[in-house]
Amino acid sequence: MSDIPDNGPDFSGSGPVEYRPAETAQGPTGETLARHEARLLAMPGVTSVGQGTAPDGSVALTIGVTDAAVAKDLPEQIEGLAVVVVVTGQIDAEDPR
């Protein structure tokens, strides 16, 4: 037995994990995210969207972008939730072959 608390499922070494946004979107923030995710990801320079925390500690939508210039095209709020922009740089998927 370990003294480390169980923080949920262990995905280490399990390989690819299927993405099912309908299962991960919970509560008002998740529902807002689910409604806007496709539109946000279709914007040039947007690399990711998710739930996070605003500087004041409130729940927020986080949007990853390739560079800070993309932020000017994003709203400050979506359905009353703060939008936090994170510059991730370009994200490229690795070819599994």
PDB file of N, CA and C in Angstrom:
ATOM      1  N   MET A   1       0.838  -1.176   0.000  1.00  0.00           N
ATOM      2  CA  MET A   1       0.000   0.000   0.000  1.00  0.00           C
ATOM      3  C   MET A   1       0.880   1.236   0.000  1.00  0.00           C
ATOM      4  N   SER A   2       0.349   2.285  -0.515  1.00  0.00           N
ATOM      5  CA  SER A   2       1.070   3.537  -0.612  1.00  0.00           C
ATOM      6  C   SER A   2       0.417   4.589   0.270  1.00  0.00           C
ATOM      7  N   ASP A   3       1.222   5.535   0.732  1.00  0.00           N
ATOM      8  CA  ASP A   3       0.701   6.660   1.510  1.00  0.00           C
ATOM      9  C   ASP A   3       0.188   7.766   0.600  1.00  0.00           C
ATOM     10  N   ILE A   4       0.374   7.614  -0.699  1.00  0.00           N
ATOM     11  CA  ILE A   4      -0.068   8.620  -1.660  1.00  0.00           C
ATOM     12  C   ILE A   4      -1.549   8.410  -1.942  1.00  0.00           C
ATOM     13  N   PRO A   5      -2.355   9.483  -1.812  1.00  0.00           N
ATOM     14  CA  PRO A   5      -3.793   9.323  -2.058  1.00  0.00           C
ATOM     15  C   PRO A   5      -4.078   8.995  -3.522  1.00  0.00           C
ATOM     16  N   ASP A   6      -5.132   8.248  -3.753  1.00  0.00           N
ATOM     17  CA  ASP A   6      -5.562   7.895  -5.106  1.00  0.00           C
ATOM     18  C   ASP A   6      -6.255   9.100  -5.716  1.00  0.00           C
ATOM     19  N   ASN A   7      -5.673   9.662  -6.777  1.00  0.00           N
ATOM     20  CA  ASN A   7      -6.232  10.840  -7.431  1.00  0.00           C
ATOM     21  C   ASN A   7      -6.953  10.502  -8.722  1.00  0.00           C
ATOM     22  N   GLY A   8      -7.468   9.310  -8.836  1.00  0.00           N
ATOM     23  CA  GLY A   8      -8.203   8.919 -10.034  1.00  0.00           C
ATOM     24  C   GLY A   8      -7.477   7.848 -10.800  1.00  0.00           C
ATOM     25  N   PRO A   9      -7.937   7.583 -12.028  1.00  0.00           N
ATOM     26  CA  PRO A   9      -7.358   6.494 -12.814  1.00  0.00           C
ATOM     27  C   PRO A   9      -5.911   6.774 -13.210  1.00  0.00           C
ATOM     28  N   ASP A  10      -5.138   5.715 -13.297  1.00  0.00           N
ATOM     29  CA  ASP A  10      -3.740   5.808 -13.725  1.00  0.00           C
ATOM     30  C   ASP A  10      -3.669   5.461 -15.202  1.00  0.00           C
ATOM     31  N   PHE A  11      -3.368   6.458 -16.014  1.00  0.00           N
ATOM     32  CA  PHE A  11      -3.299   6.250 -17.449  1.00  0.00           C
ATOM     33  C   PHE A  11      -1.872   6.020 -17.935  1.00  0.00           C
ATOM     34  N   SER A  12      -0.912   5.940 -17.038  1.00  0.00           N
ATOM     35  CA  SER A  12       0.471   5.764 -17.463  1.00  0.00           C
ATOM     36  C   SER A  12       0.631   4.429 -18.178  1.00  0.00           C
ATOM     37  N   GLY A  13       1.184   4.495 -19.355  1.00  0.00           N
ATOM     38  CA  GLY A  13       1.433   3.290 -20.122  1.00  0.00           C
ATOM     39  C   GLY A  13       0.213   2.677 -20.765  1.00  0.00           C
ATOM     40  N   SER A  14      -0.934   3.349 -20.705  1.00  0.00           N
ATOM     41  CA  SER A  14      -2.149   2.748 -21.247  1.00  0.00           C
ATOM     42  C   SER A  14      -2.340   3.024 -22.736  1.00  0.00           C
ATOM     43  N   GLY A  15      -1.480   3.844 -23.327  1.00  0.00           N
ATOM     44  CA  GLY A  15      -1.613   4.149 -24.747  1.00  0.00           C
ATOM     45  C   GLY A  15      -2.600   5.275 -24.978  1.00  0.00           C
ATOM     46  N   PRO A  16      -3.076   5.428 -26.195  1.00  0.00           N
ATOM     47  CA  PRO A  16      -3.989   6.519 -26.520  1.00  0.00           C
ATOM     48  C   PRO A  16      -5.271   6.445 -25.696  1.00  0.00           C
ATOM     49  N   VAL A  17      -5.783   7.608 -25.346  1.00  0.00           N
ATOM     50  CA  VAL A  17      -7.029   7.711 -24.604  1.00  0.00           C
ATOM     51  C   VAL A  17      -8.025   8.437 -25.494  1.00  0.00           C
ATOM     52  N   GLU A  18      -9.171   7.831 -25.703  1.00  0.00           N
ATOM     53  CA  GLU A  18     -10.187   8.425 -26.560  1.00  0.00           C
ATOM     54  C   GLU A  18     -10.710   9.711 -25.938  1.00  0.00           C
ATOM     55  N   TYR A  19     -10.843  10.742 -26.761  1.00  0.00           N
ATOM     56  CA  TYR A  19     -11.360  12.037 -26.307  1.00  0.00           C
ATOM     57  C   TYR A  19     -12.867  12.062 -26.481  1.00  0.00           C
ATOM     58  N   ARG A  20     -13.576  12.244 -25.377  1.00  0.00           N
ATOM     59  CA  ARG A  20     -15.033  12.293 -25.394  1.00  0.00           C
ATOM     60  C   ARG A  20     -15.496  13.531 -24.632  1.00  0.00           C
ATOM     61  N   PRO A  21     -15.569  14.699 -25.311  1.00  0.00           N
ATOM     62  CA  PRO A  21     -15.885  15.940 -24.606  1.00  0.00           C
ATOM     63  C   PRO A  21     -17.227  15.917 -23.892  1.00  0.00           C
ATOM     64  N   ALA A  22     -18.202  15.187 -24.368  1.00  0.00           N
ATOM     65  CA  ALA A  22     -19.507  15.146 -23.705  1.00  0.00           C
ATOM     66  C   ALA A  22     -19.379  14.559 -22.303  1.00  0.00           C
ATOM     67  N   GLU A  23     -18.416  13.674 -22.092  1.00  0.00           N
ATOM     68  CA  GLU A  23     -18.220  13.070 -20.780  1.00  0.00           C
ATOM     69  C   GLU A  23     -17.401  13.953 -19.857  1.00  0.00           C
ATOM     70  N   THR A  24     -16.508  14.784 -20.416  1.00  0.00           N
ATOM     71  CA  THR A  24     -15.644  15.605 -19.579  1.00  0.00           C
ATOM     72  C   THR A  24     -16.275  16.941 -19.242  1.00  0.00           C
ATOM     73  N   ALA A  25     -17.215  17.412 -20.043  1.00  0.00           N
ATOM     74  CA  ALA A  25     -17.857  18.700 -19.778  1.00  0.00           C
ATOM     75  C   ALA A  25     -18.895  18.530 -18.681  1.00  0.00           C
ATOM     76  N   GLN A  26     -18.625  19.122 -17.533  1.00  0.00           N
ATOM     77  CA  GLN A  26     -19.542  19.000 -16.403  1.00  0.00           C
ATOM     78  C   GLN A  26     -19.842  20.383 -15.844  1.00  0.00           C
ATOM     79  N   GLY A  27     -21.062  20.588 -15.435  1.00  0.00           N
ATOM     80  CA  GLY A  27     -21.453  21.844 -14.824  1.00  0.00           C
ATOM     81  C   GLY A  27     -21.562  22.965 -15.838  1.00  0.00           C
ATOM     82  N   PRO A  28     -21.886  24.156 -15.366  1.00  0.00           N
ATOM     83  CA  PRO A  28     -22.087  25.294 -16.271  1.00  0.00           C
ATOM     84  C   PRO A  28     -20.851  25.628 -17.107  1.00  0.00           C
ATOM     85  N   THR A  29     -19.653  25.525 -16.513  1.00  0.00           N
ATOM     86  CA  THR A  29     -18.439  25.834 -17.264  1.00  0.00           C
ATOM     87  C   THR A  29     -18.220  24.811 -18.370  1.00  0.00           C
ATOM     88  N   GLY A  30     -18.395  23.541 -18.048  1.00  0.00           N
ATOM     89  CA  GLY A  30     -18.230  22.491 -19.049  1.00  0.00           C
ATOM     90  C   GLY A  30     -19.245  22.590 -20.165  1.00  0.00           C
ATOM     91  N   GLU A  31     -20.462  22.967 -19.819  1.00  0.00           N
ATOM     92  CA  GLU A  31     -21.505  23.126 -20.835  1.00  0.00           C
ATOM     93  C   GLU A  31     -21.175  24.296 -21.755  1.00  0.00           C
ATOM     94  N   THR A  32     -20.680  25.389 -21.185  1.00  0.00           N
ATOM     95  CA  THR A  32     -20.272  26.542 -21.995  1.00  0.00           C
ATOM     96  C   THR A  32     -19.118  26.145 -22.901  1.00  0.00           C
ATOM     97  N   LEU A  33     -18.162  25.443 -22.360  1.00  0.00           N
ATOM     98  CA  LEU A  33     -17.019  24.984 -23.142  1.00  0.00           C
ATOM     99  C   LEU A  33     -17.483  24.100 -24.293  1.00  0.00           C
ATOM    100  N   ALA A  34     -18.380  23.176 -24.022  1.00  0.00           N
ATOM    101  CA  ALA A  34     -18.868  22.269 -25.060  1.00  0.00           C
ATOM    102  C   ALA A  34     -19.570  23.037 -26.182  1.00  0.00           C
ATOM    103  N   ARG A  35     -20.301  24.098 -25.827  1.00  0.00           N
ATOM    104  CA  ARG A  35     -21.005  24.889 -26.851  1.00  0.00           C
ATOM    105  C   ARG A  35     -20.059  25.682 -27.735  1.00  0.00           C
ATOM    106  N   HIS A  36     -18.908  26.095 -27.216  1.00  0.00           N
ATOM    107  CA  HIS A  36     -18.019  27.005 -27.953  1.00  0.00           C
ATOM    108  C   HIS A  36     -16.719  26.365 -28.433  1.00  0.00           C
ATOM    109  N   GLU A  37     -16.446  25.144 -28.008  1.00  0.00           N
ATOM    110  CA  GLU A  37     -15.166  24.501 -28.302  1.00  0.00           C
ATOM    111  C   GLU A  37     -14.860  24.432 -29.795  1.00  0.00           C
ATOM    112  N   ALA A  38     -15.769  23.927 -30.594  1.00  0.00           N
ATOM    113  CA  ALA A  38     -15.503  23.752 -32.032  1.00  0.00           C
ATOM    114  C   ALA A  38     -15.229  25.097 -32.707  1.00  0.00           C
ATOM    115  N   ARG A  39     -16.023  26.112 -32.361  1.00  0.00           N
ATOM    116  CA  ARG A  39     -15.840  27.438 -32.968  1.00  0.00           C
ATOM    117  C   ARG A  39     -14.480  28.022 -32.586  1.00  0.00           C
ATOM    118  N   LEU A  40     -14.101  27.886 -31.325  1.00  0.00           N
ATOM    119  CA  LEU A  40     -12.815  28.425 -30.881  1.00  0.00           C
ATOM    120  C   LEU A  40     -11.647  27.689 -31.529  1.00  0.00           C
ATOM    121  N   LEU A  41     -11.717  26.365 -31.575  1.00  0.00           N
ATOM    122  CA  LEU A  41     -10.623  25.587 -32.172  1.00  0.00           C
ATOM    123  C   LEU A  41     -10.491  25.823 -33.673  1.00  0.00           C
ATOM    124  N   ALA A  42     -11.559  26.281 -34.319  1.00  0.00           N
ATOM    125  CA  ALA A  42     -11.507  26.564 -35.752  1.00  0.00           C
ATOM    126  C   ALA A  42     -10.816  27.898 -36.044  1.00  0.00           C
ATOM    127  N   MET A  43     -10.609  28.715 -35.025  1.00  0.00           N
ATOM    128  CA  MET A  43      -9.965  30.018 -35.221  1.00  0.00           C
ATOM    129  C   MET A  43      -8.474  29.831 -35.476  1.00  0.00           C
ATOM    130  N   PRO A  44      -7.920  30.536 -36.467  1.00  0.00           N
ATOM    131  CA  PRO A  44      -6.475  30.436 -36.730  1.00  0.00           C
ATOM    132  C   PRO A  44      -5.666  30.829 -35.491  1.00  0.00           C
ATOM    133  N   GLY A  45      -4.706  30.003 -35.148  1.00  0.00           N
ATOM    134  CA  GLY A  45      -3.826  30.292 -34.021  1.00  0.00           C
ATOM    135  C   GLY A  45      -4.284  29.740 -32.691  1.00  0.00           C
ATOM    136  N   VAL A  46      -5.506  29.199 -32.601  1.00  0.00           N
ATOM    137  CA  VAL A  46      -5.979  28.605 -31.347  1.00  0.00           C
ATOM    138  C   VAL A  46      -5.535  27.146 -31.318  1.00  0.00           C
ATOM    139  N   THR A  47      -4.841  26.764 -30.245  1.00  0.00           N
ATOM    140  CA  THR A  47      -4.301  25.404 -30.137  1.00  0.00           C
ATOM    141  C   THR A  47      -5.059  24.523 -29.160  1.00  0.00           C
ATOM    142  N   SER A  48      -5.767  25.135 -28.201  1.00  0.00           N
ATOM    143  CA  SER A  48      -6.471  24.341 -27.206  1.00  0.00           C
ATOM    144  C   SER A  48      -7.530  25.175 -26.506  1.00  0.00           C
ATOM    145  N   VAL A  49      -8.508  24.491 -25.930  1.00  0.00           N
ATOM    146  CA  VAL A  49      -9.501  25.141 -25.075  1.00  0.00           C
ATOM    147  C   VAL A  49      -9.752  24.229 -23.881  1.00  0.00           C
ATOM    148  N   GLY A  50     -10.071  24.822 -22.749  1.00  0.00           N
ATOM    149  CA  GLY A  50     -10.315  24.018 -21.567  1.00  0.00           C
ATOM    150  C   GLY A  50     -10.837  24.854 -20.424  1.00  0.00           C
ATOM    151  N   GLN A  51     -10.961  24.215 -19.274  1.00  0.00           N
ATOM    152  CA  GLN A  51     -11.392  24.898 -18.059  1.00  0.00           C
ATOM    153  C   GLN A  51     -10.163  25.233 -17.238  1.00  0.00           C
ATOM    154  N   GLY A  52     -10.205  26.371 -16.583  1.00  0.00           N
ATOM    155  CA  GLY A  52      -9.073  26.771 -15.764  1.00  0.00           C
ATOM    156  C   GLY A  52      -9.504  27.740 -14.696  1.00  0.00           C
ATOM    157  N   THR A  53      -8.547  28.513 -14.214  1.00  0.00           N
ATOM    158  CA  THR A  53      -8.793  29.462 -13.146  1.00  0.00           C
ATOM    159  C   THR A  53      -8.311  30.839 -13.577  1.00  0.00           C
ATOM    160  N   ALA A  54      -9.149  31.842 -13.353  1.00  0.00           N
ATOM    161  CA  ALA A  54      -8.794  33.230 -13.640  1.00  0.00           C
ATOM    162  C   ALA A  54      -7.860  33.739 -12.538  1.00  0.00           C
ATOM    163  N   PRO A  55      -7.163  34.842 -12.781  1.00  0.00           N
ATOM    164  CA  PRO A  55      -6.263  35.397 -11.756  1.00  0.00           C
ATOM    165  C   PRO A  55      -6.951  35.676 -10.417  1.00  0.00           C
ATOM    166  N   ASP A  56      -8.255  35.968 -10.443  1.00  0.00           N
ATOM    167  CA  ASP A  56      -8.974  36.239  -9.189  1.00  0.00           C
ATOM    168  C   ASP A  56      -9.447  34.966  -8.485  1.00  0.00           C
ATOM    169  N   GLY A  57      -9.122  33.797  -9.060  1.00  0.00           N
ATOM    170  CA  GLY A  57      -9.486  32.524  -8.455  1.00  0.00           C
ATOM    171  C   GLY A  57     -10.808  31.951  -8.931  1.00  0.00           C
ATOM    172  N   SER A  58     -11.535  32.690  -9.757  1.00  0.00           N
ATOM    173  CA  SER A  58     -12.809  32.190 -10.270  1.00  0.00           C
ATOM    174  C   SER A  58     -12.583  31.206 -11.410  1.00  0.00           C
ATOM    175  N   VAL A  59     -13.611  30.443 -11.717  1.00  0.00           N
ATOM    176  CA  VAL A  59     -13.551  29.485 -12.816  1.00  0.00           C
ATOM    177  C   VAL A  59     -13.487  30.266 -14.133  1.00  0.00           C
ATOM    178  N   ALA A  60     -12.690  29.780 -15.067  1.00  0.00           N
ATOM    179  CA  ALA A  60     -12.521  30.467 -16.339  1.00  0.00           C
ATOM    180  C   ALA A  60     -12.387  29.460 -17.471  1.00  0.00           C
ATOM    181  N   LEU A  61     -12.517  29.947 -18.693  1.00  0.00           N
ATOM    182  CA  LEU A  61     -12.197  29.162 -19.881  1.00  0.00           C
ATOM    183  C   LEU A  61     -10.771  29.523 -20.266  1.00  0.00           C
ATOM    184  N   THR A  62      -9.933  28.514 -20.487  1.00  0.00           N
ATOM    185  CA  THR A  62      -8.566  28.776 -20.926  1.00  0.00           C
ATOM    186  C   THR A  62      -8.471  28.466 -22.408  1.00  0.00           C
ATOM    187  N   ILE A  63      -7.797  29.341 -23.122  1.00  0.00           N
ATOM    188  CA  ILE A  63      -7.623  29.176 -24.560  1.00  0.00           C
ATOM    189  C   ILE A  63      -6.136  29.272 -24.856  1.00  0.00           C
ATOM    190  N   GLY A  64      -5.574  28.194 -25.407  1.00  0.00           N
ATOM    191  CA  GLY A  64      -4.175  28.181 -25.809  1.00  0.00           C
ATOM    192  C   GLY A  64      -4.038  28.743 -27.204  1.00  0.00           C
ATOM    193  N   VAL A  65      -3.017  29.584 -27.407  1.00  0.00           N
ATOM    194  CA  VAL A  65      -2.797  30.216 -28.706  1.00  0.00           C
ATOM    195  C   VAL A  65      -1.330  30.097 -29.100  1.00  0.00           C
ATOM    196  N   THR A  66      -1.074  30.190 -30.401  1.00  0.00           N
ATOM    197  CA  THR A  66       0.298  30.068 -30.897  1.00  0.00           C
ATOM    198  C   THR A  66       1.157  31.255 -30.512  1.00  0.00           C
ATOM    199  N   ASP A  67       0.575  32.464 -30.484  1.00  0.00           N
ATOM    200  CA  ASP A  67       1.320  33.649 -30.066  1.00  0.00           C
ATOM    201  C   ASP A  67       0.356  34.705 -29.533  1.00  0.00           C
ATOM    202  N   ALA A  68       0.900  35.686 -28.855  1.00  0.00           N
ATOM    203  CA  ALA A  68       0.076  36.696 -28.184  1.00  0.00           C
ATOM    204  C   ALA A  68      -0.788  37.495 -29.152  1.00  0.00           C
ATOM    205  N   ALA A  69      -0.402  37.604 -30.410  1.00  0.00           N
ATOM    206  CA  ALA A  69      -1.188  38.364 -31.383  1.00  0.00           C
ATOM    207  C   ALA A  69      -2.571  37.755 -31.600  1.00  0.00           C
ATOM    208  N   VAL A  70      -2.705  36.475 -31.406  1.00  0.00           N
ATOM    209  CA  VAL A  70      -3.992  35.794 -31.593  1.00  0.00           C
ATOM    210  C   VAL A  70      -4.996  36.246 -30.527  1.00  0.00           C
ATOM    211  N   ALA A  71      -4.506  36.629 -29.361  1.00  0.00           N
ATOM    212  CA  ALA A  71      -5.376  37.012 -28.247  1.00  0.00           C
ATOM    213  C   ALA A  71      -6.304  38.170 -28.597  1.00  0.00           C
ATOM    214  N   LYS A  72      -5.891  39.054 -29.482  1.00  0.00           N
ATOM    215  CA  LYS A  72      -6.728  40.210 -29.829  1.00  0.00           C
ATOM    216  C   LYS A  72      -8.025  39.800 -30.516  1.00  0.00           C
ATOM    217  N   ASP A  73      -8.074  38.613 -31.082  1.00  0.00           N
ATOM    218  CA  ASP A  73      -9.275  38.120 -31.757  1.00  0.00           C
ATOM    219  C   ASP A  73     -10.208  37.348 -30.821  1.00  0.00           C
ATOM    220  N   LEU A  74      -9.819  37.200 -29.564  1.00  0.00           N
ATOM    221  CA  LEU A  74     -10.614  36.418 -28.612  1.00  0.00           C
ATOM    222  C   LEU A  74     -11.396  37.342 -27.683  1.00  0.00           C
ATOM    223  N   PRO A  75     -12.580  36.915 -27.271  1.00  0.00           N
ATOM    224  CA  PRO A  75     -13.358  37.725 -26.327  1.00  0.00           C
ATOM    225  C   PRO A  75     -12.736  37.668 -24.929  1.00  0.00           C
ATOM    226  N   GLU A  76     -13.031  38.671 -24.108  1.00  0.00           N
ATOM    227  CA  GLU A  76     -12.562  38.673 -22.725  1.00  0.00           C
ATOM    228  C   GLU A  76     -13.423  37.770 -21.855  1.00  0.00           C
ATOM    229  N   GLN A  77     -14.682  37.560 -22.287  1.00  0.00           N
ATOM    230  CA  GLN A  77     -15.605  36.690 -21.574  1.00  0.00           C
ATOM    231  C   GLN A  77     -16.452  35.918 -22.576  1.00  0.00           C
ATOM    232  N   ILE A  78     -16.885  34.745 -22.179  1.00  0.00           N
ATOM    233  CA  ILE A  78     -17.834  33.954 -22.956  1.00  0.00           C
ATOM    234  C   ILE A  78     -18.923  33.516 -21.990  1.00  0.00           C
ATOM    235  N   GLU A  79     -20.132  33.917 -22.276  1.00  0.00           N
ATOM    236  CA  GLU A  79     -21.280  33.602 -21.419  1.00  0.00           C
ATOM    237  C   GLU A  79     -21.008  33.916 -19.950  1.00  0.00           C
ATOM    238  N   GLY A  80     -20.354  35.053 -19.706  1.00  0.00           N
ATOM    239  CA  GLY A  80     -20.087  35.498 -18.344  1.00  0.00           C
ATOM    240  C   GLY A  80     -18.859  34.882 -17.691  1.00  0.00           C
ATOM    241  N   LEU A  81     -18.203  33.942 -18.364  1.00  0.00           N
ATOM    242  CA  LEU A  81     -16.990  33.329 -17.819  1.00  0.00           C
ATOM    243  C   LEU A  81     -15.760  34.041 -18.378  1.00  0.00           C
ATOM    244  N   ALA A  82     -14.805  34.325 -17.511  1.00  0.00           N
ATOM    245  CA  ALA A  82     -13.565  34.956 -17.946  1.00  0.00           C
ATOM    246  C   ALA A  82     -12.828  34.042 -18.915  1.00  0.00           C
ATOM    247  N   VAL A  83     -12.138  34.648 -19.873  1.00  0.00           N
ATOM    248  CA  VAL A  83     -11.296  33.910 -20.799  1.00  0.00           C
ATOM    249  C   VAL A  83      -9.842  34.192 -20.431  1.00  0.00           C
ATOM    250  N   VAL A  84      -9.079  33.143 -20.168  1.00  0.00           N
ATOM    251  CA  VAL A  84      -7.661  33.257 -19.857  1.00  0.00           C
ATOM    252  C   VAL A  84      -6.904  32.715 -21.060  1.00  0.00           C
ATOM    253  N   VAL A  85      -6.036  33.545 -21.628  1.00  0.00           N
ATOM    254  CA  VAL A  85      -5.268  33.154 -22.811  1.00  0.00           C
ATOM    255  C   VAL A  85      -3.881  32.686 -22.369  1.00  0.00           C
ATOM    256  N   VAL A  86      -3.472  31.524 -22.881  1.00  0.00           N
ATOM    257  CA  VAL A  86      -2.167  30.950 -22.584  1.00  0.00           C
ATOM    258  C   VAL A  86      -1.417  30.785 -23.900  1.00  0.00           C
ATOM    259  N   VAL A  87      -0.236  31.403 -24.013  1.00  0.00           N
ATOM    260  CA  VAL A  87       0.558  31.263 -25.227  1.00  0.00           C
ATOM    261  C   VAL A  87       1.302  29.930 -25.149  1.00  0.00           C
ATOM    262  N   THR A  88       0.912  29.010 -26.034  1.00  0.00           N
ATOM    263  CA  THR A  88       1.500  27.655 -26.042  1.00  0.00           C
ATOM    264  C   THR A  88       2.566  27.499 -27.108  1.00  0.00           C
ATOM    265  N   GLY A  89       2.551  28.381 -28.112  1.00  0.00           N
ATOM    266  CA  GLY A  89       3.384  28.173 -29.275  1.00  0.00           C
ATOM    267  C   GLY A  89       2.702  27.175 -30.187  1.00  0.00           C
ATOM    268  N   GLN A  90       3.351  26.851 -31.282  1.00  0.00           N
ATOM    269  CA  GLN A  90       2.802  25.889 -32.231  1.00  0.00           C
ATOM    270  C   GLN A  90       2.830  24.485 -31.629  1.00  0.00           C
ATOM    271  N   ILE A  91       1.743  23.762 -31.766  1.00  0.00           N
ATOM    272  CA  ILE A  91       1.681  22.379 -31.285  1.00  0.00           C
ATOM    273  C   ILE A  91       1.503  21.479 -32.495  1.00  0.00           C
ATOM    274  N   ASP A  92       2.413  20.547 -32.664  1.00  0.00           N
ATOM    275  CA  ASP A  92       2.354  19.619 -33.782  1.00  0.00           C
ATOM    276  C   ASP A  92       2.241  18.199 -33.253  1.00  0.00           C
ATOM    277  N   ALA A  93       1.328  17.446 -33.827  1.00  0.00           N
ATOM    278  CA  ALA A  93       1.168  16.041 -33.437  1.00  0.00           C
ATOM    279  C   ALA A  93       2.321  15.233 -34.020  1.00  0.00           C
ATOM    280  N   GLU A  94       2.790  14.287 -33.259  1.00  0.00           N
ATOM    281  CA  GLU A  94       3.856  13.409 -33.727  1.00  0.00           C
ATOM    282  C   GLU A  94       3.248  12.273 -34.521  1.00  0.00           C
ATOM    283  N   ASP A  95       3.853  11.955 -35.656  1.00  0.00           N
ATOM    284  CA  ASP A  95       3.376  10.840 -36.463  1.00  0.00           C
ATOM    285  C   ASP A  95       3.705   9.538 -35.727  1.00  0.00           C
ATOM    286  N   PRO A  96       2.676   8.752 -35.390  1.00  0.00           N
ATOM    287  CA  PRO A  96       2.912   7.537 -34.596  1.00  0.00           C
ATOM    288  C   PRO A  96       3.608   6.430 -35.377  1.00  0.00           C
ATOM    289  N   ARG A  97       3.785   6.589 -36.665  1.00  0.00           N
ATOM    290  CA  ARG A  97       4.431   5.517 -37.446  1.00  0.00           C
ATOM    291  C   ARG A  97       5.885   5.485 -37.264  1.00  0.00           C
TER     292      ARG A  97
END
